[in-house]
Amino acid sequence: MKAFWVALLLAMPVLASEPTLPDGARKVGEDRYHLPGDWEALQKFLKSNYPSNVYPRRSIINQPGIKAIHVANPGNKGGWEGLNIYQANEEIRLTVVRTTSGSTKPRKR
């Protein structure tokens, strides 16, 4: 039993550094997800899980009917460089941008 707790404690820093996805995120491809809800709900999720003072973000594109942002992961902790999030045609998609050596999987919130 003691070995179980030691293993769990050793794994916790790795789990904590993986990208967290909103509830209801549906995988549609390798590191690609369809997100439920609307853009405003996503912004609230990002604000609470990826504060902009820790995870810098920048607009990729902002045209009528299309929005896209990149959320950077400083230091590439957890094997991912950032998240690209797009909204077009009332759908929100998220792509996890991996580092070349990263192979961790995101965890759902």
C-alpha atoms as a PDB file:
ATOM      1  CA  MET A   1       0.000   0.000   0.000  1.00  0.00           C
ATOM      2  CA  LYS A   2       2.865   2.366   0.800  1.00  0.00           C
ATOM      3  CA  ALA A   3       4.309   1.865  -2.697  1.00  0.00           C
ATOM      4  CA  PHE A   4       0.984   2.956  -4.204  1.00  0.00           C
ATOM      5  CA  TRP A   5       1.055   6.304  -2.355  1.00  0.00           C
ATOM      6  CA  VAL A   6       4.694   6.898  -3.237  1.00  0.00           C
ATOM      7  CA  ALA A   7       3.941   6.255  -6.921  1.00  0.00           C
ATOM      8  CA  LEU A   8       0.909   8.540  -6.772  1.00  0.00           C
ATOM      9  CA  LEU A   9       2.914  11.374  -5.198  1.00  0.00           C
ATOM     10  CA  LEU A  10       5.650  11.007  -7.804  1.00  0.00           C
ATOM     11  CA  ALA A  11       3.110  11.149 -10.639  1.00  0.00           C
ATOM     12  CA  MET A  12       1.264  14.231  -9.370  1.00  0.00           C
ATOM     13  CA  PRO A  13       3.641  16.897 -10.781  1.00  0.00           C
ATOM     14  CA  VAL A  14       3.359  15.293 -14.243  1.00  0.00           C
ATOM     15  CA  LEU A  15      -0.435  15.174 -14.086  1.00  0.00           C
ATOM     16  CA  ALA A  16      -0.664  18.760 -12.901  1.00  0.00           C
ATOM     17  CA  SER A  17       1.325  20.066 -15.869  1.00  0.00           C
ATOM     18  CA  GLU A  18      -0.828  18.439 -18.588  1.00  0.00           C
ATOM     19  CA  PRO A  19      -3.393  20.620 -20.344  1.00  0.00           C
ATOM     20  CA  THR A  20      -6.813  20.644 -18.734  1.00  0.00           C
ATOM     21  CA  LEU A  21      -9.831  20.589 -21.047  1.00  0.00           C
ATOM     22  CA  PRO A  22     -13.366  21.800 -20.316  1.00  0.00           C
ATOM     23  CA  ASP A  23     -16.001  19.256 -19.287  1.00  0.00           C
ATOM     24  CA  GLY A  24     -17.615  17.683 -22.320  1.00  0.00           C
ATOM     25  CA  ALA A  25     -14.578  18.082 -24.609  1.00  0.00           C
ATOM     26  CA  ARG A  26     -14.833  15.460 -27.355  1.00  0.00           C
ATOM     27  CA  LYS A  27     -11.765  14.087 -29.122  1.00  0.00           C
ATOM     28  CA  VAL A  28     -12.002  14.380 -32.911  1.00  0.00           C
ATOM     29  CA  GLY A  29      -8.392  13.582 -33.850  1.00  0.00           C
ATOM     30  CA  GLU A  30      -4.865  13.383 -32.537  1.00  0.00           C
ATOM     31  CA  ASP A  31      -4.597  16.278 -30.028  1.00  0.00           C
ATOM     32  CA  ARG A  32      -7.770  17.838 -31.515  1.00  0.00           C
ATOM     33  CA  TYR A  33     -10.994  18.409 -29.594  1.00  0.00           C
ATOM     34  CA  HIS A  34     -14.480  19.780 -30.119  1.00  0.00           C
ATOM     35  CA  LEU A  35     -15.524  21.927 -27.150  1.00  0.00           C
ATOM     36  CA  PRO A  36     -19.089  22.379 -25.920  1.00  0.00           C
ATOM     37  CA  GLY A  37     -20.624  25.736 -25.041  1.00  0.00           C
ATOM     38  CA  ASP A  38     -19.995  29.184 -26.411  1.00  0.00           C
ATOM     39  CA  TRP A  39     -16.992  31.500 -26.705  1.00  0.00           C
ATOM     40  CA  GLU A  40     -17.860  33.452 -23.539  1.00  0.00           C
ATOM     41  CA  ALA A  41     -18.083  30.254 -21.460  1.00  0.00           C
ATOM     42  CA  LEU A  42     -14.717  29.202 -22.864  1.00  0.00           C
ATOM     43  CA  GLN A  43     -13.203  32.555 -21.867  1.00  0.00           C
ATOM     44  CA  LYS A  44     -14.397  31.998 -18.272  1.00  0.00           C
ATOM     45  CA  PHE A  45     -12.847  28.513 -18.313  1.00  0.00           C
ATOM     46  CA  LEU A  46      -9.548  29.909 -19.604  1.00  0.00           C
ATOM     47  CA  LYS A  47      -9.542  32.707 -17.036  1.00  0.00           C
ATOM     48  CA  SER A  48      -9.931  30.253 -14.152  1.00  0.00           C
ATOM     49  CA  ASN A  49      -7.673  27.453 -15.481  1.00  0.00           C
ATOM     50  CA  TYR A  50      -5.128  29.375 -17.553  1.00  0.00           C
ATOM     51  CA  PRO A  51      -4.758  32.899 -16.102  1.00  0.00           C
ATOM     52  CA  SER A  52      -3.260  35.263 -18.655  1.00  0.00           C
ATOM     53  CA  ASN A  53      -0.511  36.424 -16.278  1.00  0.00           C
ATOM     54  CA  VAL A  54       0.852  32.838 -16.220  1.00  0.00           C
ATOM     55  CA  TYR A  55      -0.290  31.564 -19.639  1.00  0.00           C
ATOM     56  CA  PRO A  56       0.146  34.411 -22.142  1.00  0.00           C
ATOM     57  CA  ARG A  57      -2.328  34.483 -24.997  1.00  0.00           C
ATOM     58  CA  ARG A  58      -2.460  36.185 -28.332  1.00  0.00           C
ATOM     59  CA  SER A  59      -5.058  36.535 -31.007  1.00  0.00           C
ATOM     60  CA  ILE A  60      -4.333  34.458 -34.094  1.00  0.00           C
ATOM     61  CA  ILE A  61      -7.213  35.827 -36.174  1.00  0.00           C
ATOM     62  CA  ASN A  62     -10.343  37.869 -35.581  1.00  0.00           C
ATOM     63  CA  GLN A  63     -12.607  38.117 -38.616  1.00  0.00           C
ATOM     64  CA  PRO A  64     -16.384  38.195 -38.828  1.00  0.00           C
ATOM     65  CA  GLY A  65     -17.577  34.746 -37.751  1.00  0.00           C
ATOM     66  CA  ILE A  66     -14.059  33.492 -36.917  1.00  0.00           C
ATOM     67  CA  LYS A  67     -12.076  33.885 -33.701  1.00  0.00           C
ATOM     68  CA  ALA A  68      -8.797  32.197 -32.821  1.00  0.00           C
ATOM     69  CA  ILE A  69      -6.381  32.508 -29.916  1.00  0.00           C
ATOM     70  CA  HIS A  70      -3.168  30.822 -28.860  1.00  0.00           C
ATOM     71  CA  VAL A  71      -2.597  30.139 -25.154  1.00  0.00           C
ATOM     72  CA  ALA A  72       1.126  29.650 -24.524  1.00  0.00           C
ATOM     73  CA  ASN A  73       2.529  27.225 -21.956  1.00  0.00           C
ATOM     74  CA  PRO A  74       5.611  28.936 -20.524  1.00  0.00           C
ATOM     75  CA  GLY A  75       8.528  26.562 -20.216  1.00  0.00           C
ATOM     76  CA  ASN A  76       6.637  23.889 -22.190  1.00  0.00           C
ATOM     77  CA  LYS A  77       5.825  22.065 -18.945  1.00  0.00           C
ATOM     78  CA  GLY A  78       4.095  18.754 -19.542  1.00  0.00           C
ATOM     79  CA  GLY A  79       5.225  18.291 -23.140  1.00  0.00           C
ATOM     80  CA  TRP A  80       2.928  20.898 -24.727  1.00  0.00           C
ATOM     81  CA  GLU A  81       3.803  24.344 -26.074  1.00  0.00           C
ATOM     82  CA  GLY A  82       0.312  25.784 -26.083  1.00  0.00           C
ATOM     83  CA  LEU A  83      -3.329  25.541 -27.064  1.00  0.00           C
ATOM     84  CA  ASN A  84      -4.807  26.835 -30.315  1.00  0.00           C
ATOM     85  CA  ILE A  85      -8.517  27.528 -29.914  1.00  0.00           C
ATOM     86  CA  TYR A  86     -10.789  28.389 -32.840  1.00  0.00           C
ATOM     87  CA  GLN A  87     -14.443  29.341 -33.178  1.00  0.00           C
ATOM     88  CA  ALA A  88     -16.058  29.219 -36.612  1.00  0.00           C
ATOM     89  CA  ASN A  89     -19.616  28.416 -37.670  1.00  0.00           C
ATOM     90  CA  GLU A  90     -20.728  28.273 -34.014  1.00  0.00           C
ATOM     91  CA  GLU A  91     -18.236  25.452 -33.302  1.00  0.00           C
ATOM     92  CA  ILE A  92     -15.266  25.668 -30.975  1.00  0.00           C
ATOM     93  CA  ARG A  93     -12.211  23.516 -31.665  1.00  0.00           C
ATOM     94  CA  LEU A  94      -9.049  23.133 -29.599  1.00  0.00           C
ATOM     95  CA  THR A  95      -5.678  21.813 -30.743  1.00  0.00           C
ATOM     96  CA  VAL A  96      -2.928  20.913 -28.285  1.00  0.00           C
ATOM     97  CA  VAL A  97       0.401  22.051 -29.731  1.00  0.00           C
ATOM     98  CA  ARG A  98       2.959  19.500 -28.541  1.00  0.00           C
ATOM     99  CA  THR A  99       6.679  19.914 -28.089  1.00  0.00           C
ATOM    100  CA  THR A 100       8.676  17.607 -30.327  1.00  0.00           C
ATOM    101  CA  SER A 101       9.491  15.295 -27.398  1.00  0.00           C
ATOM    102  CA  GLY A 102       6.126  15.542 -25.596  1.00  0.00           C
ATOM    103  CA  SER A 103       3.813  12.564 -25.482  1.00  0.00           C
ATOM    104  CA  THR A 104       1.528  13.319 -22.537  1.00  0.00           C
ATOM    105  CA  LYS A 105      -2.249  13.254 -22.919  1.00  0.00           C
ATOM    106  CA  PRO A 106      -4.504  16.084 -21.741  1.00  0.00           C
ATOM    107  CA  ARG A 107      -6.774  15.445 -18.800  1.00  0.00           C
ATOM    108  CA  LYS A 108     -10.422  16.395 -18.763  1.00  0.00           C
ATOM    109  CA  ARG A 109     -11.611  18.696 -16.037  1.00  0.00           C
END
